[in-house]
Protein backbone atom coordinates (compact mmCIF):
# COMPACT_ATOMS: atom_id res chain seq x y z
CA MET A 1 38.98 31.57 -45.70
CA LEU A 2 38.22 35.23 -44.83
CA GLU A 3 36.91 34.81 -41.19
CA PHE A 4 33.48 35.77 -40.93
CA PRO A 5 32.91 39.63 -39.16
CA GLU A 6 32.49 38.87 -35.91
CA ALA A 7 30.20 42.28 -35.75
CA PRO A 8 27.46 43.18 -38.12
CA LEU A 9 28.75 45.17 -40.96
CA PRO A 10 26.43 47.42 -42.97
CA PRO A 11 24.51 45.90 -45.79
CA ALA A 12 26.50 48.24 -48.75
CA GLU A 13 30.33 46.95 -47.13
CA PHE A 14 28.88 43.44 -46.35
CA MET A 15 27.85 42.69 -49.94
CA GLU A 16 30.39 44.94 -52.08
CA ARG A 17 33.67 44.43 -50.15
CA TRP A 18 33.37 41.21 -47.91
CA LEU A 19 31.62 38.84 -49.66
CA PRO A 20 33.15 38.96 -53.05
CA GLU A 21 37.20 39.44 -51.04
CA ALA A 22 35.35 36.12 -49.37
CA PHE A 23 34.47 34.15 -52.26
CA ALA A 24 37.94 34.88 -53.79
CA GLU A 25 39.54 32.79 -51.51
CA LEU A 26 37.26 29.69 -52.00
CA THR A 27 38.43 26.64 -53.62
CA LEU A 28 36.01 25.87 -55.95
CA PRO A 29 35.19 21.99 -57.30
CA GLU A 30 35.82 21.05 -60.30
CA GLY A 31 33.26 22.45 -63.01
CA ALA A 32 32.15 25.30 -60.47
CA ASP A 33 33.51 27.86 -63.10
CA ALA A 34 31.10 26.42 -65.58
CA HIS A 35 28.40 28.37 -63.52
CA ASP A 36 26.53 32.21 -64.82
CA VAL A 37 24.19 32.48 -62.29
CA GLN A 38 22.82 35.66 -61.12
CA VAL A 39 20.80 36.01 -57.77
CA GLY A 40 19.16 39.65 -56.94
CA VAL A 41 19.07 41.19 -53.01
CA ARG A 42 16.61 43.20 -51.76
CA LEU A 43 17.50 44.59 -48.52
CA GLU A 44 14.49 46.36 -46.77
CA GLY A 45 14.96 49.24 -44.28
CA LYS A 46 17.83 51.25 -42.62
CA GLY A 47 21.59 50.83 -44.68
CA GLY A 48 19.38 48.18 -47.27
CA GLY A 49 19.43 48.33 -50.78
CA GLU A 50 19.19 46.10 -54.39
CA TRP A 51 22.56 44.21 -55.35
CA VAL A 52 22.80 41.92 -57.86
CA MET A 53 24.98 38.67 -56.98
CA GLN A 54 26.71 37.37 -60.21
CA VAL A 55 28.68 34.09 -59.78
CA ALA A 56 30.47 33.19 -63.41
CA GLY A 57 33.73 31.51 -64.17
CA GLY A 58 34.42 30.76 -60.94
CA ARG A 59 34.51 34.40 -59.82
CA LEU A 60 31.27 36.76 -57.67
CA GLU A 61 30.88 40.09 -58.64
CA VAL A 62 28.36 42.30 -56.83
CA ARG A 63 27.10 45.02 -58.16
CA ALA A 64 24.56 47.50 -56.29
CA GLU A 65 21.77 47.93 -59.09
CA SER A 66 18.36 46.78 -59.45
CA ARG A 67 17.39 43.26 -59.25
CA ASP A 68 14.34 43.42 -61.91
CA GLU A 69 16.23 41.40 -64.20
CA THR A 70 17.18 38.37 -61.84
CA GLY A 71 15.03 35.31 -62.33
CA PHE A 72 15.31 34.73 -58.38
CA SER A 73 15.71 36.93 -55.55
CA ILE A 74 16.15 37.27 -52.01
CA VAL A 75 13.93 39.84 -50.33
CA GLN A 76 14.39 40.76 -46.84
CA SER A 77 14.54 43.17 -43.88
CA VAL A 78 17.96 44.45 -42.97
CA VAL A 79 16.89 43.03 -39.34
CA ASP A 80 16.04 39.85 -40.27
CA TRP A 81 19.16 39.71 -42.92
CA ARG A 82 21.55 40.68 -40.05
CA GLY A 83 19.49 38.42 -37.11
CA ALA A 84 20.47 35.68 -39.58
CA LEU A 85 23.56 35.86 -39.96
CA TRP A 86 24.87 37.14 -36.71
CA GLU A 87 22.21 36.15 -34.08
CA GLY A 88 21.03 33.03 -35.12
CA ARG A 89 17.49 33.60 -35.76
CA GLY A 90 14.62 32.32 -37.98
CA GLY A 91 16.13 28.80 -37.03
CA ALA A 92 16.50 26.31 -39.67
CA ILE A 93 15.06 28.08 -42.39
CA GLY A 94 17.22 31.26 -41.40
CA GLN A 95 20.70 28.82 -41.58
CA GLY A 96 19.73 28.01 -44.65
CA ALA A 97 19.35 31.66 -46.01
CA ALA A 98 22.21 32.97 -44.36
CA MET A 99 24.32 30.29 -46.34
CA LEU A 100 23.89 32.46 -49.56
CA PHE A 101 25.91 35.16 -47.56
CA ARG A 102 28.54 32.96 -46.22
CA PRO A 103 31.06 31.60 -48.97
CA GLY A 104 32.20 28.42 -47.79
CA ALA A 105 29.27 27.44 -45.59
CA ARG A 106 28.49 24.74 -48.02
CA ALA A 107 31.05 22.51 -50.01
CA ALA A 108 30.20 23.64 -53.55
CA LEU A 109 28.54 26.07 -54.43
CA GLY A 110 26.51 23.92 -57.50
CA GLU A 111 26.05 20.63 -55.19
CA ALA A 112 22.87 18.55 -55.48
CA GLY A 113 21.58 19.92 -52.04
CA GLY A 114 19.85 22.78 -51.22
CA SER A 115 18.23 23.72 -47.82
CA ALA A 116 14.81 24.65 -46.39
CA SER A 117 14.88 28.31 -47.83
CA LEU A 118 17.70 28.34 -51.00
CA PRO A 119 17.70 26.11 -53.80
CA SER A 120 21.13 24.88 -55.32
CA LEU A 121 22.51 26.75 -58.64
CA ALA A 122 21.25 24.34 -60.64
CA ALA A 123 17.74 25.20 -59.26
CA LEU A 124 17.86 28.71 -60.38
CA GLU A 125 17.38 28.50 -64.04
CA PRO A 126 13.87 26.43 -64.03
CA LEU A 127 13.04 29.07 -61.04
CA ARG A 128 13.70 31.76 -63.28
CA SER A 129 10.41 30.66 -65.80
CA LEU A 130 7.76 31.33 -62.98
CA ASP A 131 6.24 34.63 -61.42
CA GLY A 132 5.33 34.73 -58.09
CA PHE A 133 6.70 35.80 -54.51
CA LEU A 134 6.72 33.49 -51.91
CA ARG A 135 7.20 34.83 -47.75
CA ILE A 136 8.17 32.23 -44.95
CA VAL A 137 7.72 33.25 -41.87
CA VAL A 138 9.22 31.43 -38.81
CA THR A 139 7.81 31.76 -35.19
CA GLY A 140 8.48 30.98 -32.03
CA GLY A 141 12.07 31.50 -32.32
CA GLU A 142 14.79 33.00 -30.27
CA GLY A 143 14.71 36.48 -30.72
CA GLY A 144 10.88 36.56 -32.23
CA ASP A 145 9.32 36.05 -35.12
CA TRP A 146 11.22 36.06 -38.44
CA ALA A 147 10.53 36.33 -42.25
CA VAL A 148 12.57 35.92 -45.68
CA ALA A 149 10.73 35.75 -49.01
CA ALA A 150 12.00 35.12 -52.62
CA LYS A 151 10.98 36.52 -55.63
CA LEU A 152 10.78 34.14 -58.67
CA GLY A 153 11.09 35.17 -62.64
CA PRO A 154 12.33 38.83 -62.84
CA GLY A 155 10.21 41.85 -62.60
CA SER A 156 9.67 43.94 -59.65
CA ILE A 157 8.77 43.25 -56.01
CA PRO A 158 5.11 43.07 -55.59
CA GLU A 159 3.62 44.94 -52.10
CA GLU A 160 2.06 41.47 -51.22
CA PRO A 161 3.27 38.10 -51.41
CA THR A 162 1.72 35.50 -54.03
CA THR A 163 2.02 32.79 -51.22
CA SER A 164 3.10 32.65 -47.75
CA LEU A 165 4.01 30.19 -45.30
CA THR A 166 4.27 30.29 -42.00
CA LEU A 167 5.33 27.41 -39.47
CA SER A 168 7.45 27.18 -36.41
CA ALA A 169 11.00 27.28 -35.69
CA GLU A 170 10.73 23.76 -33.95
CA ASP A 171 8.51 22.05 -36.90
CA ALA A 172 11.29 24.21 -39.12
CA SER A 173 14.44 22.17 -37.19
CA ALA A 174 12.20 19.32 -37.13
CA MET A 175 11.73 18.98 -41.08
CA ALA A 176 15.59 20.24 -41.54
CA GLN A 177 16.94 16.68 -40.35
CA GLY A 178 13.98 14.37 -41.39
CA GLU A 179 12.42 14.03 -38.32
CA LEU A 180 9.36 15.33 -39.96
CA ASN A 181 7.63 15.20 -43.61
CA PRO A 182 6.72 18.64 -44.63
CA LEU A 183 3.37 17.34 -46.14
CA GLU A 184 2.34 15.52 -43.25
CA ALA A 185 3.13 19.09 -41.45
CA PHE A 186 0.85 20.53 -43.84
CA MET A 187 -1.69 18.30 -43.85
CA ALA A 188 -1.64 18.11 -40.04
CA GLY A 189 -2.00 21.99 -39.85
CA ARG A 190 1.44 23.14 -38.84
CA ILE A 191 2.18 24.55 -41.69
CA GLN A 192 -0.65 27.36 -42.51
CA LEU A 193 -0.33 28.47 -45.97
CA ALA A 194 -2.24 31.50 -47.20
CA GLY A 195 -2.14 32.66 -51.03
CA ASP A 196 -1.69 30.27 -54.31
CA MET A 197 -1.03 26.80 -53.41
CA ALA A 198 -0.43 26.61 -57.29
CA LEU A 199 2.49 28.53 -56.88
CA MET A 200 4.24 25.73 -54.26
CA MET A 201 3.41 22.65 -56.27
CA GLN A 202 5.65 24.81 -59.64
CA ILE A 203 8.14 25.40 -57.61
CA GLN A 204 8.33 21.74 -56.58
CA ALA A 205 8.09 20.71 -59.82
CA ALA A 206 10.96 23.24 -60.48
CA LEU A 207 13.54 21.61 -58.26
CA MET A 208 12.63 17.75 -59.42
CA GLN A 209 13.28 19.24 -62.70
CA ALA A 210 16.52 20.20 -61.44
CA ALA A 211 17.17 17.16 -59.26
CA ALA A 212 16.33 14.94 -62.55
CA SER A 213 19.11 16.96 -64.86
CA ARG A 214 21.80 16.64 -62.03
CA SER A 215 20.89 12.94 -62.36
CA ALA A 216 21.13 12.59 -65.87
CA GLY A 217 23.83 14.42 -65.88
CA GLY A 218 25.65 12.28 -63.34
């Protein structure tokens, strides 16, 4: 497996050269080549841009082009993107978001699991039918506050999120380890929600749909 760069690379070099090369060295599990999924990436700030990552036939192609037609996109500042990948920022949420850019971090691209911020590929198709912009802010972690956003459904990135979630790095870690129930954390005010709560319910329904489809197929 191609070693992860010790020092941060410019986004374009990382996305267009390193990432496809690293993916090509993976040994994929049986059935992984059946996926044909596109994920958009928008990095904002110096050196940023837009890319489309397409997994098809067991290969990863990364194109520097508009992500408007993709059904799921990661949106982040270059500073926070770099912070999650090389500085350990964002806690458990940051680790989940970083998985998208670290081939081999998961056992399989189509595995049943997801993460606190990154759904499995099986969940992306149901999410494509949604229309919203979710922003997650992690506070109190090493290196200061950190954020990542997801655009659900095709279309341009809105100026403001449809829904925002704010939680501490400590609580994010506790939820990732199964020590804190997300619903209980929300009811206790430890997860602050602003905007459209219905979007969160729609996301949960889409992830449950994907889980049910996996169970039926397995």
